[in-house]
Structures are given as structure tokens and as C-alpha cells.
Amino acid sequence: MASTNPLRYDVLRVYKELLYLGREYPLGFENYFRPRLHKAFSAKSGLQDQAEIKKGIEQAQYVRKEIEALYV
């Protein structure tokens, strides 16, 4: 059995948080936000280096904060 990346659950958590926040996105969820989010995460799906994965998680958390600020 192949070992899973310990950061996998962090990536899934931030992805789900962004999906949840995107439900009320002004330009639309199904036709704008969700496809772009999926494309952004898919583009980084091949990363193997722990440091690069952590950098991607930090970038996603920054986007999350920006979306939260949009709603305030």
C-alpha cells in the first residue's frame, strides 16, 4: 500500500472551506467560482515536494481570507 501525503488532509480541508465560502460569490458559484477553484487545485495536483505543497496551502489560505473580507 502506498503511503499518503500527510498534507493531503490539509489540502482537502482548505479546498472544502473555499468551496463553502464560494457559494455566495458575486459572479456565481457553479459557472464561475467552482470551475476556477477546481482548475487552480488541479494545476497543483502533481506537486510532490512538501515545501511546495505547504506554499500552495498558504496561498489558498490567503485567498480564503480575501474572500472572507469580500463578504464583510
N, C-alpha and C. Protein backbone atom coordinates (compact mmCIF):
# COMPACT_ATOMS: atom_id res chain seq x y z
N MET A 1 0.84 -1.18 0.00
CA MET A 1 0.00 0.00 0.00
C MET A 1 0.89 1.24 0.00
N ALA A 2 0.58 2.17 -0.86
CA ALA A 2 1.37 3.39 -0.97
C ALA A 2 1.05 4.32 0.21
N SER A 3 2.08 4.99 0.69
CA SER A 3 1.85 5.93 1.80
C SER A 3 1.23 7.20 1.25
N THR A 4 0.31 7.78 2.01
CA THR A 4 -0.33 9.00 1.59
C THR A 4 0.44 10.20 2.14
N ASN A 5 0.30 11.29 1.47
CA ASN A 5 0.97 12.51 1.89
C ASN A 5 0.28 13.04 3.15
N PRO A 6 1.03 13.36 4.19
CA PRO A 6 0.41 13.86 5.42
C PRO A 6 -0.28 15.22 5.23
N LEU A 7 0.07 15.94 4.18
CA LEU A 7 -0.57 17.23 3.93
C LEU A 7 -1.86 17.10 3.12
N ARG A 8 -2.18 15.89 2.72
CA ARG A 8 -3.37 15.65 1.91
C ARG A 8 -4.63 16.18 2.60
N TYR A 9 -4.75 15.92 3.88
CA TYR A 9 -5.95 16.33 4.61
C TYR A 9 -6.01 17.85 4.78
N ASP A 10 -4.86 18.50 4.88
CA ASP A 10 -4.83 19.96 4.93
C ASP A 10 -5.30 20.55 3.60
N VAL A 11 -4.87 19.95 2.50
CA VAL A 11 -5.27 20.42 1.18
C VAL A 11 -6.79 20.23 1.00
N LEU A 12 -7.29 19.06 1.38
CA LEU A 12 -8.73 18.81 1.26
C LEU A 12 -9.54 19.76 2.14
N ARG A 13 -9.04 20.04 3.34
CA ARG A 13 -9.74 20.94 4.25
C ARG A 13 -9.86 22.34 3.67
N VAL A 14 -8.75 22.88 3.15
CA VAL A 14 -8.79 24.23 2.61
C VAL A 14 -9.62 24.28 1.32
N TYR A 15 -9.61 23.21 0.55
CA TYR A 15 -10.44 23.15 -0.67
C TYR A 15 -11.92 23.19 -0.30
N LYS A 16 -12.30 22.41 0.70
CA LYS A 16 -13.70 22.40 1.14
C LYS A 16 -14.12 23.73 1.74
N GLU A 17 -13.21 24.37 2.48
CA GLU A 17 -13.52 25.69 3.04
C GLU A 17 -13.76 26.70 1.93
N LEU A 18 -12.92 26.66 0.90
CA LEU A 18 -13.09 27.58 -0.22
C LEU A 18 -14.39 27.30 -0.98
N LEU A 19 -14.72 26.04 -1.15
CA LEU A 19 -16.00 25.71 -1.80
C LEU A 19 -17.16 26.26 -1.00
N TYR A 20 -17.11 26.13 0.31
CA TYR A 20 -18.18 26.63 1.17
C TYR A 20 -18.29 28.15 1.06
N LEU A 21 -17.16 28.83 1.11
CA LEU A 21 -17.18 30.29 1.02
C LEU A 21 -17.64 30.77 -0.35
N GLY A 22 -17.35 30.00 -1.37
CA GLY A 22 -17.69 30.39 -2.74
C GLY A 22 -19.15 30.31 -3.08
N ARG A 23 -19.95 29.71 -2.22
CA ARG A 23 -21.38 29.57 -2.52
C ARG A 23 -22.07 30.92 -2.75
N GLU A 24 -21.60 31.95 -2.08
CA GLU A 24 -22.21 33.27 -2.18
C GLU A 24 -21.38 34.22 -3.04
N TYR A 25 -20.47 33.70 -3.83
CA TYR A 25 -19.60 34.55 -4.63
C TYR A 25 -20.43 35.37 -5.62
N PRO A 26 -20.15 36.68 -5.73
CA PRO A 26 -20.99 37.57 -6.56
C PRO A 26 -21.10 37.17 -8.03
N LEU A 27 -20.07 36.59 -8.61
CA LEU A 27 -20.12 36.23 -10.03
C LEU A 27 -20.72 34.85 -10.28
N GLY A 28 -21.12 34.17 -9.23
CA GLY A 28 -21.76 32.87 -9.36
C GLY A 28 -20.86 31.73 -8.92
N PHE A 29 -21.49 30.70 -8.39
CA PHE A 29 -20.75 29.56 -7.86
C PHE A 29 -20.50 28.51 -8.94
N GLU A 30 -21.57 28.00 -9.53
CA GLU A 30 -21.45 26.88 -10.48
C GLU A 30 -20.74 27.25 -11.77
N ASN A 31 -20.97 28.45 -12.25
CA ASN A 31 -20.42 28.81 -13.56
C ASN A 31 -19.14 29.63 -13.50
N TYR A 32 -18.75 30.09 -12.32
CA TYR A 32 -17.54 30.90 -12.23
C TYR A 32 -16.57 30.40 -11.15
N PHE A 33 -17.03 30.41 -9.91
CA PHE A 33 -16.12 30.14 -8.78
C PHE A 33 -15.64 28.69 -8.76
N ARG A 34 -16.57 27.75 -8.79
CA ARG A 34 -16.21 26.33 -8.66
C ARG A 34 -15.26 25.85 -9.76
N PRO A 35 -15.53 26.16 -11.04
CA PRO A 35 -14.59 25.70 -12.08
C PRO A 35 -13.19 26.29 -11.93
N ARG A 36 -13.12 27.56 -11.52
CA ARG A 36 -11.81 28.19 -11.36
C ARG A 36 -11.06 27.60 -10.16
N LEU A 37 -11.79 27.33 -9.09
CA LEU A 37 -11.16 26.71 -7.93
C LEU A 37 -10.63 25.33 -8.29
N HIS A 38 -11.44 24.56 -8.97
CA HIS A 38 -11.04 23.22 -9.38
C HIS A 38 -9.80 23.27 -10.29
N LYS A 39 -9.80 24.21 -11.22
CA LYS A 39 -8.67 24.35 -12.13
C LYS A 39 -7.40 24.72 -11.37
N ALA A 40 -7.52 25.62 -10.39
CA ALA A 40 -6.36 26.04 -9.61
C ALA A 40 -5.77 24.88 -8.81
N PHE A 41 -6.64 24.08 -8.20
CA PHE A 41 -6.16 22.95 -7.41
C PHE A 41 -5.64 21.83 -8.32
N SER A 42 -6.27 21.63 -9.46
CA SER A 42 -5.82 20.59 -10.39
C SER A 42 -4.45 20.92 -10.95
N ALA A 43 -4.19 22.20 -11.15
CA ALA A 43 -2.89 22.60 -11.69
C ALA A 43 -1.76 22.25 -10.73
N LYS A 44 -2.05 22.19 -9.45
CA LYS A 44 -1.02 21.88 -8.44
C LYS A 44 -1.09 20.44 -7.96
N SER A 45 -1.90 19.62 -8.59
CA SER A 45 -2.11 18.26 -8.10
C SER A 45 -0.88 17.37 -8.22
N GLY A 46 0.03 17.72 -9.08
CA GLY A 46 1.21 16.89 -9.28
C GLY A 46 2.37 17.21 -8.35
N LEU A 47 2.19 18.16 -7.46
CA LEU A 47 3.28 18.53 -6.56
C LEU A 47 3.64 17.37 -5.63
N GLN A 48 4.93 17.14 -5.45
CA GLN A 48 5.40 16.08 -4.56
C GLN A 48 6.21 16.64 -3.40
N ASP A 49 6.84 17.79 -3.60
CA ASP A 49 7.69 18.40 -2.59
C ASP A 49 6.84 19.00 -1.46
N GLN A 50 7.16 18.62 -0.23
CA GLN A 50 6.40 19.08 0.94
C GLN A 50 6.39 20.60 1.04
N ALA A 51 7.52 21.23 0.76
CA ALA A 51 7.61 22.69 0.86
C ALA A 51 6.71 23.37 -0.16
N GLU A 52 6.67 22.83 -1.37
CA GLU A 52 5.81 23.40 -2.40
C GLU A 52 4.33 23.22 -2.05
N ILE A 53 3.98 22.09 -1.47
CA ILE A 53 2.61 21.83 -1.07
C ILE A 53 2.21 22.80 0.04
N LYS A 54 3.09 23.01 1.00
CA LYS A 54 2.80 23.95 2.09
C LYS A 54 2.64 25.36 1.54
N LYS A 55 3.45 25.72 0.57
CA LYS A 55 3.35 27.03 -0.07
C LYS A 55 1.99 27.18 -0.76
N GLY A 56 1.53 26.14 -1.42
CA GLY A 56 0.21 26.16 -2.05
C GLY A 56 -0.91 26.28 -1.04
N ILE A 57 -0.78 25.61 0.10
CA ILE A 57 -1.78 25.70 1.16
C ILE A 57 -1.83 27.12 1.71
N GLU A 58 -0.67 27.73 1.90
CA GLU A 58 -0.62 29.10 2.40
C GLU A 58 -1.28 30.06 1.41
N GLN A 59 -1.05 29.82 0.13
CA GLN A 59 -1.67 30.66 -0.90
C GLN A 59 -3.19 30.50 -0.88
N ALA A 60 -3.67 29.28 -0.71
CA ALA A 60 -5.11 29.03 -0.64
C ALA A 60 -5.71 29.68 0.61
N GLN A 61 -4.99 29.67 1.71
CA GLN A 61 -5.48 30.31 2.92
C GLN A 61 -5.54 31.82 2.76
N TYR A 62 -4.60 32.39 2.00
CA TYR A 62 -4.65 33.82 1.70
C TYR A 62 -5.90 34.14 0.87
N VAL A 63 -6.18 33.32 -0.12
CA VAL A 63 -7.37 33.52 -0.95
C VAL A 63 -8.63 33.41 -0.08
N ARG A 64 -8.63 32.48 0.86
CA ARG A 64 -9.76 32.32 1.76
C ARG A 64 -10.00 33.61 2.57
N LYS A 65 -8.92 34.19 3.08
CA LYS A 65 -9.05 35.43 3.84
C LYS A 65 -9.57 36.57 2.97
N GLU A 66 -9.13 36.62 1.72
CA GLU A 66 -9.60 37.65 0.81
C GLU A 66 -11.10 37.49 0.50
N ILE A 67 -11.54 36.26 0.36
CA ILE A 67 -12.96 36.00 0.11
C ILE A 67 -13.78 36.37 1.34
N GLU A 68 -13.28 36.02 2.51
CA GLU A 68 -13.98 36.39 3.75
C GLU A 68 -14.08 37.91 3.87
N ALA A 69 -13.04 38.63 3.48
CA ALA A 69 -13.06 40.09 3.54
C ALA A 69 -14.06 40.66 2.55
N LEU A 70 -14.27 39.97 1.45
CA LEU A 70 -15.23 40.40 0.44
C LEU A 70 -16.65 40.40 1.01
N TYR A 71 -16.95 39.49 1.90
CA TYR A 71 -18.29 39.33 2.44
C TYR A 71 -18.58 40.25 3.62
N VAL A 72 -17.55 40.86 4.18
CA VAL A 72 -17.75 41.72 5.37
C VAL A 72 -18.23 43.08 4.99
